[in-house]
Amino acid sequence: MLGATGQIGRVAVRALAEDGWDVTAASRGGGRDDDWAGGVRAVAVDRDEKGALEGALGDGCDVLVDMVAFDRRHAAQVAALADRTGSAVVISSGAVYEDDRGRSFDTQGEPGGFPRYPVPIPETQRTVGAGDATYGTRKVGLERELLAPGEALPVTLLRAGAIHGKHCRTPRELYFVKRALDGRRRRVLAHGGLSRFHPVHVSNVAELIRLAAAQPASRVLNAADPRAPTVAEIGAAVDEVLGVTTETVLLPGPPSEGGIGETPWSGAHPVVYDMDAAGRELGYRPVTDYVRSLPETVEWLADRLRGREWALAFPKMARSYGEVLFDYAAEDAWLERHGPGA
């Protein structure tokens, strides 16, 4: 498994080992997770180092699981190993989809550019074009390159939703957890708090990987939790875990000037993935759902934040969203201007 010590990889290694697979866990650092069985072999592999991946693969493997493939170059690496690989399971993304007007995650920052997808989005929904410009276009290039060999290398591509769980470098739940821990008892949510960006817990992705490894085929499947909660429901669920009460101020439309009301889940239209195909093709049943999995995530976040600045605890989150994520002064000024009935 490539990317074994990442957020999904840690759980997927354990799931495969418990299912009876002999697992070689490859990562740049060659580390181990405390939850792995002793039989898991950990190795250091930098896929960007010439010959490193081929060397680690040795005589071959039954299944290559790739968590860290992002573009056509990575796809070509995997495809080149077809003679030594029985099948592959590769993580893709729901960011590949576009709506019938060509809108996608790539256009969401433009006026009127947020995509209006069907609810739910099936795997047959059209995608953005392949290219090197964005995360989504690179993932499409990855998918097309890996599907091209067909039965010569069966590849299951999992189009993941908003991944959540422990060890996330950009945890969306931080938005609500930090506010609660900081004693914030009012929050502003745009779009009436009804935004839905379909999450998927790491254990559900791991279950899809486990099932796909045992049933090789060339296909694309969505990867999402059994339900897509609204952003208001997510905030309430975090409050429940932490035992606090927060007043929610709803904006009927988009975020106010300065990003007031914007969250990591905010969107003008719902993003919900259809999971029927995974059930039909793999016999997939979710391991958990958002609310049941949340306490573990919240505990992990609170522990990471203890005694540390959030930007130091989660530097990638800080780079992705910036200080505006927790600009309490601007939020308080907005609430003051709009009064108690805002």
C-alpha atoms as a PDB file:
ATOM      1  CA  MET A   1       0.000   0.000   0.000  1.00  0.00           C
ATOM      2  CA  LEU A   2       1.344   3.407  -1.012  1.00  0.00           C
ATOM      3  CA  GLY A   3       0.620   6.264   1.395  1.00  0.00           C
ATOM      4  CA  ALA A   4       0.089   3.831   4.262  1.00  0.00           C
ATOM      5  CA  THR A   5       0.644   6.319   7.082  1.00  0.00           C
ATOM      6  CA  GLY A   6      -1.823   8.864   5.730  1.00  0.00           C
ATOM      7  CA  GLN A   7      -5.329   9.453   7.009  1.00  0.00           C
ATOM      8  CA  ILE A   8      -7.004   6.676   5.011  1.00  0.00           C
ATOM      9  CA  GLY A   9      -3.965   4.433   4.774  1.00  0.00           C
ATOM     10  CA  ARG A  10      -3.662   3.850   8.519  1.00  0.00           C
ATOM     11  CA  VAL A  11      -7.187   2.426   8.662  1.00  0.00           C
ATOM     12  CA  ALA A  12      -7.021   0.592   5.335  1.00  0.00           C
ATOM     13  CA  VAL A  13      -3.827  -1.262   6.300  1.00  0.00           C
ATOM     14  CA  ARG A  14      -5.528  -2.494   9.459  1.00  0.00           C
ATOM     15  CA  ALA A  15      -8.686  -3.523   7.580  1.00  0.00           C
ATOM     16  CA  LEU A  16      -6.754  -5.521   4.985  1.00  0.00           C
ATOM     17  CA  ALA A  17      -4.530  -7.179   7.580  1.00  0.00           C
ATOM     18  CA  GLU A  18      -7.564  -8.188   9.646  1.00  0.00           C
ATOM     19  CA  ASP A  19      -9.082  -9.613   6.452  1.00  0.00           C
ATOM     20  CA  GLY A  20      -6.121 -11.969   6.061  1.00  0.00           C
ATOM     21  CA  TRP A  21      -3.945 -10.081   3.570  1.00  0.00           C
ATOM     22  CA  ASP A  22      -0.159  -9.943   3.934  1.00  0.00           C
ATOM     23  CA  VAL A  23       0.264  -6.165   3.866  1.00  0.00           C
ATOM     24  CA  THR A  24       3.359  -4.158   2.994  1.00  0.00           C
ATOM     25  CA  ALA A  25       2.784  -0.604   4.203  1.00  0.00           C
ATOM     26  CA  ALA A  26       4.827   1.867   2.163  1.00  0.00           C
ATOM     27  CA  SER A  27       5.300   5.524   3.012  1.00  0.00           C
ATOM     28  CA  ARG A  28       8.032   8.098   2.624  1.00  0.00           C
ATOM     29  CA  GLY A  29       9.055   7.761   6.259  1.00  0.00           C
ATOM     30  CA  GLY A  30       8.484   4.034   6.530  1.00  0.00           C
ATOM     31  CA  GLY A  31       6.584   4.487   9.795  1.00  0.00           C
ATOM     32  CA  ARG A  32       4.024   2.325  11.533  1.00  0.00           C
ATOM     33  CA  ASP A  33       0.669   2.956  13.155  1.00  0.00           C
ATOM     34  CA  ASP A  34       0.094   1.720  16.697  1.00  0.00           C
ATOM     35  CA  ASP A  35      -3.083  -0.078  15.598  1.00  0.00           C
ATOM     36  CA  TRP A  36      -1.366  -2.275  12.994  1.00  0.00           C
ATOM     37  CA  ALA A  37      -0.826  -5.958  13.634  1.00  0.00           C
ATOM     38  CA  GLY A  38       2.749  -7.134  14.060  1.00  0.00           C
ATOM     39  CA  GLY A  39       2.662  -8.957  10.741  1.00  0.00           C
ATOM     40  CA  VAL A  40       2.349  -5.718   8.733  1.00  0.00           C
ATOM     41  CA  ARG A  41       5.661  -4.915   7.009  1.00  0.00           C
ATOM     42  CA  ALA A  42       6.516  -1.210   6.932  1.00  0.00           C
ATOM     43  CA  VAL A  43       8.915   0.100   4.275  1.00  0.00           C
ATOM     44  CA  ALA A  44      10.152   3.541   3.220  1.00  0.00           C
ATOM     45  CA  VAL A  45       9.323   4.341  -0.408  1.00  0.00           C
ATOM     46  CA  ASP A  46       9.501   7.663  -2.231  1.00  0.00           C
ATOM     47  CA  ARG A  47       7.619   7.110  -5.479  1.00  0.00           C
ATOM     48  CA  ASP A  48       9.343  10.137  -7.014  1.00  0.00           C
ATOM     49  CA  GLU A  49      12.730   8.478  -6.619  1.00  0.00           C
ATOM     50  CA  LYS A  50      13.626   6.604  -9.794  1.00  0.00           C
ATOM     51  CA  GLY A  51      13.193   2.853  -9.391  1.00  0.00           C
ATOM     52  CA  ALA A  52      12.017   3.068  -5.777  1.00  0.00           C
ATOM     53  CA  LEU A  53       8.486   1.832  -6.410  1.00  0.00           C
ATOM     54  CA  GLU A  54       9.649  -0.995  -8.664  1.00  0.00           C
ATOM     55  CA  GLY A  55      12.215  -2.026  -6.090  1.00  0.00           C
ATOM     56  CA  ALA A  56       9.691  -2.092  -3.283  1.00  0.00           C
ATOM     57  CA  LEU A  57       7.280  -4.175  -5.351  1.00  0.00           C
ATOM     58  CA  GLY A  58       9.905  -6.857  -5.949  1.00  0.00           C
ATOM     59  CA  ASP A  59       8.447  -9.907  -7.659  1.00  0.00           C
ATOM     60  CA  GLY A  60       4.982  -8.383  -7.542  1.00  0.00           C
ATOM     61  CA  CYS A  61       1.779  -8.276  -5.516  1.00  0.00           C
ATOM     62  CA  ASP A  62      -1.818  -9.398  -5.762  1.00  0.00           C
ATOM     63  CA  VAL A  63      -3.214  -5.905  -5.128  1.00  0.00           C
ATOM     64  CA  LEU A  64      -1.559  -2.501  -5.215  1.00  0.00           C
ATOM     65  CA  VAL A  65      -3.462   0.072  -3.131  1.00  0.00           C
ATOM     66  CA  ASP A  66      -2.467   3.647  -3.963  1.00  0.00           C
ATOM     67  CA  MET A  67      -3.567   6.479  -1.671  1.00  0.00           C
ATOM     68  CA  VAL A  68      -1.231   9.083  -3.124  1.00  0.00           C
ATOM     69  CA  ALA A  69      -1.764   8.997  -6.889  1.00  0.00           C
ATOM     70  CA  PHE A  70      -2.712  12.450  -8.163  1.00  0.00           C
ATOM     71  CA  ASP A  71      -1.981  12.710 -11.890  1.00  0.00           C
ATOM     72  CA  ARG A  72      -1.143  10.966 -15.155  1.00  0.00           C
ATOM     73  CA  ARG A  73       2.491  10.546 -14.154  1.00  0.00           C
ATOM     74  CA  HIS A  74       1.479   8.548 -11.083  1.00  0.00           C
ATOM     75  CA  ALA A  75      -0.980   6.567 -13.187  1.00  0.00           C
ATOM     76  CA  ALA A  76       1.765   5.703 -15.665  1.00  0.00           C
ATOM     77  CA  GLN A  77       3.883   4.410 -12.767  1.00  0.00           C
ATOM     78  CA  VAL A  78       1.113   2.059 -11.691  1.00  0.00           C
ATOM     79  CA  ALA A  79       0.243   0.970 -15.237  1.00  0.00           C
ATOM     80  CA  ALA A  80       3.896   0.152 -15.921  1.00  0.00           C
ATOM     81  CA  LEU A  81       3.736  -2.449 -13.148  1.00  0.00           C
ATOM     82  CA  ALA A  82       0.820  -4.364 -14.708  1.00  0.00           C
ATOM     83  CA  ASP A  83       2.964  -7.443 -15.343  1.00  0.00           C
ATOM     84  CA  ARG A  84       3.720  -7.656 -11.608  1.00  0.00           C
ATOM     85  CA  THR A  85       0.392  -6.522 -10.196  1.00  0.00           C
ATOM     86  CA  GLY A  86      -2.827  -8.536 -10.051  1.00  0.00           C
ATOM     87  CA  SER A  87      -5.083  -5.488  -9.639  1.00  0.00           C
ATOM     88  CA  ALA A  88      -5.096  -2.031  -8.091  1.00  0.00           C
ATOM     89  CA  VAL A  89      -7.318   0.138  -5.913  1.00  0.00           C
ATOM     90  CA  VAL A  90      -6.662   3.863  -6.279  1.00  0.00           C
ATOM     91  CA  ILE A  91      -8.139   6.876  -4.489  1.00  0.00           C
ATOM     92  CA  SER A  92      -9.673   9.491  -6.784  1.00  0.00           C
ATOM     93  CA  SER A  93     -12.028  12.331  -5.852  1.00  0.00           C
ATOM     94  CA  GLY A  94     -15.541  13.663  -6.247  1.00  0.00           C
ATOM     95  CA  ALA A  95     -13.825  16.814  -7.531  1.00  0.00           C
ATOM     96  CA  VAL A  96     -13.796  15.224 -10.991  1.00  0.00           C
ATOM     97  CA  TYR A  97     -17.499  15.913 -11.616  1.00  0.00           C
ATOM     98  CA  GLU A  98     -18.980  18.844 -13.515  1.00  0.00           C
ATOM     99  CA  ASP A  99     -22.626  19.803 -13.994  1.00  0.00           C
ATOM    100  CA  ASP A 100     -24.531  20.138 -17.273  1.00  0.00           C
ATOM    101  CA  ARG A 101     -23.337  23.737 -17.630  1.00  0.00           C
ATOM    102  CA  GLY A 102     -19.669  22.890 -17.183  1.00  0.00           C
ATOM    103  CA  ARG A 103     -19.480  24.111 -13.585  1.00  0.00           C
ATOM    104  CA  SER A 104     -17.368  22.205 -11.072  1.00  0.00           C
ATOM    105  CA  PHE A 105     -15.292  22.724  -7.933  1.00  0.00           C
ATOM    106  CA  ASP A 106     -12.894  24.587 -10.222  1.00  0.00           C
ATOM    107  CA  THR A 107     -15.489  27.289 -10.922  1.00  0.00           C
ATOM    108  CA  GLN A 108     -17.059  27.563  -7.464  1.00  0.00           C
ATOM    109  CA  GLY A 109     -15.224  30.804  -6.668  1.00  0.00           C
ATOM    110  CA  GLU A 110     -16.720  32.588  -9.681  1.00  0.00           C
ATOM    111  CA  PRO A 111     -20.039  34.492  -9.550  1.00  0.00           C
ATOM    112  CA  GLY A 112     -22.741  31.862 -10.127  1.00  0.00           C
ATOM    113  CA  GLY A 113     -20.012  29.266 -10.569  1.00  0.00           C
ATOM    114  CA  PHE A 114     -20.985  26.791  -7.870  1.00  0.00           C
ATOM    115  CA  PRO A 115     -22.024  23.546  -9.607  1.00  0.00           C
ATOM    116  CA  ARG A 116     -25.625  22.355  -9.498  1.00  0.00           C
ATOM    117  CA  TYR A 117     -25.235  18.589  -9.573  1.00  0.00           C
ATOM    118  CA  PRO A 118     -28.019  16.026  -9.641  1.00  0.00           C
ATOM    119  CA  VAL A 119     -28.914  14.755  -6.171  1.00  0.00           C
ATOM    120  CA  PRO A 120     -27.382  12.278  -5.748  1.00  0.00           C
ATOM    121  CA  ILE A 121     -24.474  12.288  -8.226  1.00  0.00           C
ATOM    122  CA  PRO A 122     -24.068   8.942 -10.023  1.00  0.00           C
ATOM    123  CA  GLU A 123     -20.712   7.735 -11.344  1.00  0.00           C
ATOM    124  CA  THR A 124     -22.074   8.301 -14.863  1.00  0.00           C
ATOM    125  CA  GLN A 125     -22.165  12.075 -14.295  1.00  0.00           C
ATOM    126  CA  ARG A 126     -19.824  13.796 -16.735  1.00  0.00           C
ATOM    127  CA  THR A 127     -16.413  14.963 -15.536  1.00  0.00           C
ATOM    128  CA  VAL A 128     -14.118  17.891 -16.172  1.00  0.00           C
ATOM    129  CA  GLY A 129     -11.529  17.474 -18.900  1.00  0.00           C
ATOM    130  CA  ALA A 130      -8.200  15.824 -18.173  1.00  0.00           C
ATOM    131  CA  GLY A 131      -5.280  18.188 -17.702  1.00  0.00           C
ATOM    132  CA  ASP A 132      -2.667  19.561 -15.366  1.00  0.00           C
ATOM    133  CA  ALA A 133      -4.363  22.799 -14.325  1.00  0.00           C
ATOM    134  CA  THR A 134      -6.269  21.768 -11.179  1.00  0.00           C
ATOM    135  CA  TYR A 135      -6.692  18.974  -8.672  1.00  0.00           C
ATOM    136  CA  GLY A 136      -9.864  17.826 -10.446  1.00  0.00           C
ATOM    137  CA  THR A 137      -8.400  17.818 -13.958  1.00  0.00           C
ATOM    138  CA  ARG A 138      -5.315  15.953 -12.744  1.00  0.00           C
ATOM    139  CA  LYS A 139      -7.499  13.312 -11.094  1.00  0.00           C
ATOM    140  CA  VAL A 140      -9.432  12.846 -14.353  1.00  0.00           C
ATOM    141  CA  GLY A 141      -6.127  12.325 -16.153  1.00  0.00           C
ATOM    142  CA  LEU A 142      -5.199   9.752 -13.520  1.00  0.00           C
ATOM    143  CA  GLU A 143      -8.501   7.924 -13.968  1.00  0.00           C
ATOM    144  CA  ARG A 144      -8.323   7.773 -17.760  1.00  0.00           C
ATOM    145  CA  GLU A 145      -4.735   6.545 -17.749  1.00  0.00           C
ATOM    146  CA  LEU A 146      -5.542   3.788 -15.269  1.00  0.00           C
ATOM    147  CA  LEU A 147      -8.723   2.633 -16.977  1.00  0.00           C
ATOM    148  CA  ALA A 148      -7.016   2.382 -20.370  1.00  0.00           C
ATOM    149  CA  PRO A 149      -5.300  -1.018 -19.774  1.00  0.00           C
ATOM    150  CA  GLY A 150      -8.674  -2.656 -19.065  1.00  0.00           C
ATOM    151  CA  GLU A 151      -8.383  -6.283 -17.993  1.00  0.00           C
ATOM    152  CA  ALA A 152      -4.604  -6.149 -18.341  1.00  0.00           C
ATOM    153  CA  LEU A 153      -4.679  -4.284 -15.025  1.00  0.00           C
ATOM    154  CA  PRO A 154      -8.080  -4.148 -13.304  1.00  0.00           C
ATOM    155  CA  VAL A 155      -8.289  -0.891 -11.342  1.00  0.00           C
ATOM    156  CA  THR A 156     -10.990   0.243  -8.930  1.00  0.00           C
ATOM    157  CA  LEU A 157     -11.027   4.045  -8.636  1.00  0.00           C
ATOM    158  CA  LEU A 158     -12.775   5.420  -5.554  1.00  0.00           C
ATOM    159  CA  ARG A 159     -14.147   8.953  -5.937  1.00  0.00           C
ATOM    160  CA  ALA A 160     -14.010  10.098  -2.335  1.00  0.00           C
ATOM    161  CA  GLY A 161     -16.200  12.777  -0.797  1.00  0.00           C
ATOM    162  CA  ALA A 162     -15.132  15.083   2.058  1.00  0.00           C
ATOM    163  CA  ILE A 163     -12.867  12.733   4.014  1.00  0.00           C
ATOM    164  CA  HIS A 164     -13.104  12.916   7.796  1.00  0.00           C
ATOM    165  CA  GLY A 165     -11.654  11.126  10.799  1.00  0.00           C
ATOM    166  CA  LYS A 166      -8.426  11.178  12.777  1.00  0.00           C
ATOM    167  CA  HIS A 167      -5.105  12.243  11.249  1.00  0.00           C
ATOM    168  CA  CYS A 168      -6.624  14.625   8.711  1.00  0.00           C
ATOM    169  CA  ARG A 169      -4.338  17.524   7.765  1.00  0.00           C
ATOM    170  CA  THR A 170      -7.279  19.745   6.746  1.00  0.00           C
ATOM    171  CA  PRO A 171     -10.059  18.700   9.157  1.00  0.00           C
ATOM    172  CA  ARG A 172     -13.261  20.573   8.353  1.00  0.00           C
ATOM    173  CA  GLU A 173     -14.604  19.765  11.822  1.00  0.00           C
ATOM    174  CA  LEU A 174     -11.952  22.084  13.239  1.00  0.00           C
ATOM    175  CA  TYR A 175     -14.219  24.976  12.216  1.00  0.00           C
ATOM    176  CA  PHE A 176     -16.782  24.041  14.875  1.00  0.00           C
ATOM    177  CA  VAL A 177     -14.511  22.343  17.430  1.00  0.00           C
ATOM    178  CA  LYS A 178     -12.140  25.282  17.843  1.00  0.00           C
ATOM    179  CA  ARG A 179     -15.032  27.732  18.137  1.00  0.00           C
ATOM    180  CA  ALA A 180     -16.625  25.654  20.880  1.00  0.00           C
ATOM    181  CA  LEU A 181     -13.334  25.272  22.759  1.00  0.00           C
ATOM    182  CA  ASP A 182     -12.745  29.024  22.468  1.00  0.00           C
ATOM    183  CA  GLY A 183     -16.078  29.700  24.149  1.00  0.00           C
ATOM    184  CA  ARG A 184     -17.852  31.020  21.049  1.00  0.00           C
ATOM    185  CA  ARG A 185     -21.573  30.663  21.648  1.00  0.00           C
ATOM    186  CA  ARG A 186     -22.872  32.229  18.429  1.00  0.00           C
ATOM    187  CA  ARG A 187     -22.076  31.210  14.892  1.00  0.00           C
ATOM    188  CA  VAL A 188     -23.125  32.469  11.485  1.00  0.00           C
ATOM    189  CA  LEU A 189     -23.967  30.030   8.687  1.00  0.00           C
ATOM    190  CA  ALA A 190     -24.569  31.103   5.099  1.00  0.00           C
ATOM    191  CA  HIS A 191     -27.095  29.496   2.740  1.00  0.00           C
ATOM    192  CA  GLY A 192     -29.514  29.019   5.634  1.00  0.00           C
ATOM    193  CA  GLY A 193     -27.228  26.387   7.157  1.00  0.00           C
ATOM    194  CA  LEU A 194     -28.485  23.960   4.510  1.00  0.00           C
ATOM    195  CA  SER A 195     -25.229  23.398   2.596  1.00  0.00           C
ATOM    196  CA  ARG A 196     -24.372  19.738   2.136  1.00  0.00           C
ATOM    197  CA  PHE A 197     -20.937  18.485   1.104  1.00  0.00           C
ATOM    198  CA  HIS A 198     -21.099  14.699   1.368  1.00  0.00           C
ATOM    199  CA  PRO A 199     -18.544  13.388   3.887  1.00  0.00           C
ATOM    200  CA  VAL A 200     -16.906   9.982   4.020  1.00  0.00           C
ATOM    201  CA  HIS A 201     -15.278   8.534   7.113  1.00  0.00           C
ATOM    202  CA  VAL A 202     -11.898   6.877   6.715  1.00  0.00           C
ATOM    203  CA  SER A 203     -13.280   3.535   7.915  1.00  0.00           C
ATOM    204  CA  ASN A 204     -15.903   3.571   5.153  1.00  0.00           C
ATOM    205  CA  VAL A 205     -13.207   4.215   2.544  1.00  0.00           C
ATOM    206  CA  ALA A 206     -11.161   1.398   4.070  1.00  0.00           C
ATOM    207  CA  GLU A 207     -14.148  -0.938   3.784  1.00  0.00           C
ATOM    208  CA  LEU A 208     -14.527  -0.074   0.097  1.00  0.00           C
ATOM    209  CA  ILE A 209     -10.819  -0.772  -0.401  1.00  0.00           C
ATOM    210  CA  ARG A 210     -11.116  -4.109   1.398  1.00  0.00           C
ATOM    211  CA  LEU A 211     -14.041  -5.199  -0.745  1.00  0.00           C
ATOM    212  CA  ALA A 212     -12.533  -3.968  -4.018  1.00  0.00           C
ATOM    213  CA  ALA A 213      -9.249  -5.767  -3.290  1.00  0.00           C
ATOM    214  CA  ALA A 214     -11.121  -9.078  -3.143  1.00  0.00           C
ATOM    215  CA  GLN A 215     -13.238  -8.341  -6.250  1.00  0.00           C
ATOM    216  CA  PRO A 216     -10.914  -6.864  -8.894  1.00  0.00           C
ATOM    217  CA  ALA A 217     -12.402  -5.086 -11.911  1.00  0.00           C
ATOM    218  CA  SER A 218     -11.937  -1.884 -13.915  1.00  0.00           C
ATOM    219  CA  ARG A 219     -14.511   0.600 -12.571  1.00  0.00           C
ATOM    220  CA  VAL A 220     -15.141   3.904 -10.824  1.00  0.00           C
ATOM    221  CA  LEU A 221     -17.173   4.060  -7.611  1.00  0.00           C
ATOM    222  CA  ASN A 222     -18.214   6.883  -5.328  1.00  0.00           C
ATOM    223  CA  ALA A 223     -17.027   6.763  -1.719  1.00  0.00           C
ATOM    224  CA  ALA A 224     -19.296   8.494   0.788  1.00  0.00           C
ATOM    225  CA  ASP A 225     -21.063   8.055   4.118  1.00  0.00           C
ATOM    226  CA  PRO A 226     -24.656   6.737   4.184  1.00  0.00           C
ATOM    227  CA  ARG A 227     -25.995  10.279   4.676  1.00  0.00           C
ATOM    228  CA  ALA A 228     -24.920  13.828   3.850  1.00  0.00           C
ATOM    229  CA  PRO A 229     -25.784  16.066   6.845  1.00  0.00           C
ATOM    230  CA  THR A 230     -26.302  19.797   6.452  1.00  0.00           C
ATOM    231  CA  VAL A 231     -23.674  22.142   7.832  1.00  0.00           C
ATOM    232  CA  ALA A 232     -26.132  23.189  10.565  1.00  0.00           C
ATOM    233  CA  GLU A 233     -26.561  19.527  11.545  1.00  0.00           C
ATOM    234  CA  ILE A 234     -22.795  19.082  11.675  1.00  0.00           C
ATOM    235  CA  GLY A 235     -22.444  22.093  13.972  1.00  0.00           C
ATOM    236  CA  ALA A 236     -25.173  20.757  16.252  1.00  0.00           C
ATOM    237  CA  ALA A 237     -23.541  17.308  16.311  1.00  0.00           C
ATOM    238  CA  VAL A 238     -20.188  18.802  17.364  1.00  0.00           C
ATOM    239  CA  ASP A 239     -21.959  20.774  20.102  1.00  0.00           C
ATOM    240  CA  GLU A 240     -23.551  17.553  21.335  1.00  0.00           C
ATOM    241  CA  VAL A 241     -20.188  15.806  21.561  1.00  0.00           C
ATOM    242  CA  LEU A 242     -18.616  18.707  23.458  1.00  0.00           C
ATOM    243  CA  GLY A 243     -21.650  19.322  25.666  1.00  0.00           C
ATOM    244  CA  VAL A 244     -22.139  22.955  24.680  1.00  0.00           C
ATOM    245  CA  THR A 245     -24.996  25.018  23.265  1.00  0.00           C
ATOM    246  CA  THR A 246     -24.397  27.437  20.410  1.00  0.00           C
ATOM    247  CA  GLU A 247     -26.868  29.871  18.895  1.00  0.00           C
ATOM    248  CA  THR A 248     -26.893  29.625  15.120  1.00  0.00           C
ATOM    249  CA  VAL A 249     -27.459  32.783  13.084  1.00  0.00           C
ATOM    250  CA  LEU A 250     -28.617  31.916   9.566  1.00  0.00           C
ATOM    251  CA  LEU A 251     -27.910  33.925   6.446  1.00  0.00           C
ATOM    252  CA  PRO A 252     -30.432  33.064   3.727  1.00  0.00           C
ATOM    253  CA  GLY A 253     -27.897  33.612   0.939  1.00  0.00           C
ATOM    254  CA  PRO A 254     -24.144  33.474   0.378  1.00  0.00           C
ATOM    255  CA  PRO A 255     -21.542  34.520   2.955  1.00  0.00           C
ATOM    256  CA  SER A 256     -21.433  38.191   3.877  1.00  0.00           C
ATOM    257  CA  GLU A 257     -18.537  40.442   2.941  1.00  0.00           C
ATOM    258  CA  GLY A 258     -15.341  39.201   4.545  1.00  0.00           C
ATOM    259  CA  GLY A 259     -16.498  35.590   4.435  1.00  0.00           C
ATOM    260  CA  ILE A 260     -18.840  35.838   7.423  1.00  0.00           C
ATOM    261  CA  GLY A 261     -20.950  32.675   7.439  1.00  0.00           C
ATOM    262  CA  GLU A 262     -18.628  30.657   5.239  1.00  0.00           C
ATOM    263  CA  THR A 263     -17.490  27.216   6.395  1.00  0.00           C
ATOM    264  CA  PRO A 264     -15.453  24.383   4.840  1.00  0.00           C
ATOM    265  CA  TRP A 265     -18.762  22.763   3.801  1.00  0.00           C
ATOM    266  CA  SER A 266     -20.484  25.875   2.429  1.00  0.00           C
ATOM    267  CA  GLY A 267     -21.969  25.798  -1.043  1.00  0.00           C
ATOM    268  CA  ALA A 268     -24.955  27.234  -2.856  1.00  0.00           C
ATOM    269  CA  HIS A 269     -26.155  23.774  -3.920  1.00  0.00           C
ATOM    270  CA  PRO A 270     -25.886  20.288  -2.382  1.00  0.00           C
ATOM    271  CA  VAL A 271     -23.051  17.903  -3.255  1.00  0.00           C
ATOM    272  CA  VAL A 272     -24.347  14.400  -2.547  1.00  0.00           C
ATOM    273  CA  TYR A 273     -22.873  11.191  -3.971  1.00  0.00           C
ATOM    274  CA  ASP A 274     -24.870   8.136  -5.039  1.00  0.00           C
ATOM    275  CA  MET A 275     -23.631   4.973  -3.308  1.00  0.00           C
ATOM    276  CA  ASP A 276     -25.904   2.458  -5.045  1.00  0.00           C
ATOM    277  CA  ALA A 277     -23.203   1.178  -7.425  1.00  0.00           C
ATOM    278  CA  ALA A 278     -20.841   0.295  -4.564  1.00  0.00           C
ATOM    279  CA  GLY A 279     -23.622  -1.726  -2.977  1.00  0.00           C
ATOM    280  CA  ARG A 280     -24.423  -3.555  -6.208  1.00  0.00           C
ATOM    281  CA  GLU A 281     -20.856  -4.254  -7.341  1.00  0.00           C
ATOM    282  CA  LEU A 282     -19.079  -4.861  -4.052  1.00  0.00           C
ATOM    283  CA  GLY A 283     -21.849  -5.668  -1.576  1.00  0.00           C
ATOM    284  CA  TYR A 284     -20.725  -2.579   0.306  1.00  0.00           C
ATOM    285  CA  ARG A 285     -22.387  -1.638   3.582  1.00  0.00           C
ATOM    286  CA  PRO A 286     -21.084   1.373   5.512  1.00  0.00           C
ATOM    287  CA  VAL A 287     -19.090   0.696   8.665  1.00  0.00           C
ATOM    288  CA  THR A 288     -20.201   3.920  10.357  1.00  0.00           C
ATOM    289  CA  ASP A 289     -21.946   7.222   9.731  1.00  0.00           C
ATOM    290  CA  TYR A 290     -21.047  10.844  10.404  1.00  0.00           C
ATOM    291  CA  VAL A 291     -22.625  11.251  13.833  1.00  0.00           C
ATOM    292  CA  ARG A 292     -21.427   7.906  15.208  1.00  0.00           C
ATOM    293  CA  SER A 293     -17.851   8.531  14.101  1.00  0.00           C
ATOM    294  CA  LEU A 294     -17.711  12.146  15.316  1.00  0.00           C
ATOM    295  CA  PRO A 295     -16.718  11.697  19.005  1.00  0.00           C
ATOM    296  CA  GLU A 296     -13.392  10.076  18.093  1.00  0.00           C
ATOM    297  CA  THR A 297     -12.622  12.847  15.607  1.00  0.00           C
ATOM    298  CA  VAL A 298     -13.533  15.621  18.048  1.00  0.00           C
ATOM    299  CA  GLU A 299     -11.408  14.055  20.797  1.00  0.00           C
ATOM    300  CA  TRP A 300      -8.432  13.848  18.434  1.00  0.00           C
ATOM    301  CA  LEU A 301      -8.871  17.468  17.336  1.00  0.00           C
ATOM    302  CA  ALA A 302      -9.165  18.728  20.902  1.00  0.00           C
ATOM    303  CA  ASP A 303      -6.020  16.842  21.869  1.00  0.00           C
ATOM    304  CA  ARG A 304      -4.079  18.288  18.917  1.00  0.00           C
ATOM    305  CA  LEU A 305      -5.195  21.819  19.807  1.00  0.00           C
ATOM    306  CA  ARG A 306      -4.326  21.563  23.483  1.00  0.00           C
ATOM    307  CA  GLY A 307      -1.710  24.216  24.269  1.00  0.00           C
ATOM    308  CA  ARG A 308      -0.997  24.956  20.601  1.00  0.00           C
ATOM    309  CA  GLU A 309      -1.923  27.588  18.053  1.00  0.00           C
ATOM    310  CA  TRP A 310      -4.311  26.060  15.543  1.00  0.00           C
ATOM    311  CA  ALA A 311      -2.164  27.132  12.583  1.00  0.00           C
ATOM    312  CA  LEU A 312       0.809  25.261  14.052  1.00  0.00           C
ATOM    313  CA  ALA A 313      -1.288  22.197  14.846  1.00  0.00           C
ATOM    314  CA  PHE A 314      -2.773  22.159  11.332  1.00  0.00           C
ATOM    315  CA  PRO A 315      -0.450  24.082   8.999  1.00  0.00           C
ATOM    316  CA  LYS A 316      -2.022  22.738   5.804  1.00  0.00           C
ATOM    317  CA  MET A 317      -5.450  23.855   7.035  1.00  0.00           C
ATOM    318  CA  ALA A 318      -4.029  27.313   7.689  1.00  0.00           C
ATOM    319  CA  ARG A 319      -2.517  27.471   4.202  1.00  0.00           C
ATOM    320  CA  SER A 320      -5.759  26.317   2.580  1.00  0.00           C
ATOM    321  CA  TYR A 321      -8.201  28.597   4.419  1.00  0.00           C
ATOM    322  CA  GLY A 322      -6.142  31.341   6.036  1.00  0.00           C
ATOM    323  CA  GLU A 323      -6.809  33.320   9.201  1.00  0.00           C
ATOM    324  CA  VAL A 324     -10.293  34.304   7.965  1.00  0.00           C
ATOM    325  CA  LEU A 325     -11.463  30.891   9.173  1.00  0.00           C
ATOM    326  CA  PHE A 326     -11.356  32.141  12.766  1.00  0.00           C
ATOM    327  CA  ASP A 327     -11.602  35.905  12.397  1.00  0.00           C
ATOM    328  CA  TYR A 328     -13.666  36.386  15.545  1.00  0.00           C
ATOM    329  CA  ALA A 329     -13.258  40.174  15.550  1.00  0.00           C
ATOM    330  CA  ALA A 330     -14.836  40.503  12.104  1.00  0.00           C
ATOM    331  CA  GLU A 331     -17.581  38.076  13.071  1.00  0.00           C
ATOM    332  CA  ASP A 332     -18.372  39.986  16.271  1.00  0.00           C
ATOM    333  CA  ALA A 333     -18.432  43.288  14.385  1.00  0.00           C
ATOM    334  CA  TRP A 334     -20.886  41.816  11.866  1.00  0.00           C
ATOM    335  CA  LEU A 335     -23.120  40.473  14.641  1.00  0.00           C
ATOM    336  CA  GLU A 336     -23.021  43.823  16.414  1.00  0.00           C
ATOM    337  CA  ARG A 337     -24.033  45.688  13.256  1.00  0.00           C
ATOM    338  CA  HIS A 338     -26.916  43.340  12.543  1.00  0.00           C
ATOM    339  CA  GLY A 339     -28.209  43.151  16.103  1.00  0.00           C
ATOM    340  CA  PRO A 340     -29.635  40.273  18.163  1.00  0.00           C
ATOM    341  CA  GLY A 341     -32.066  39.299  15.438  1.00  0.00           C
ATOM    342  CA  ALA A 342     -29.436  38.989  12.714  1.00  0.00           C
END
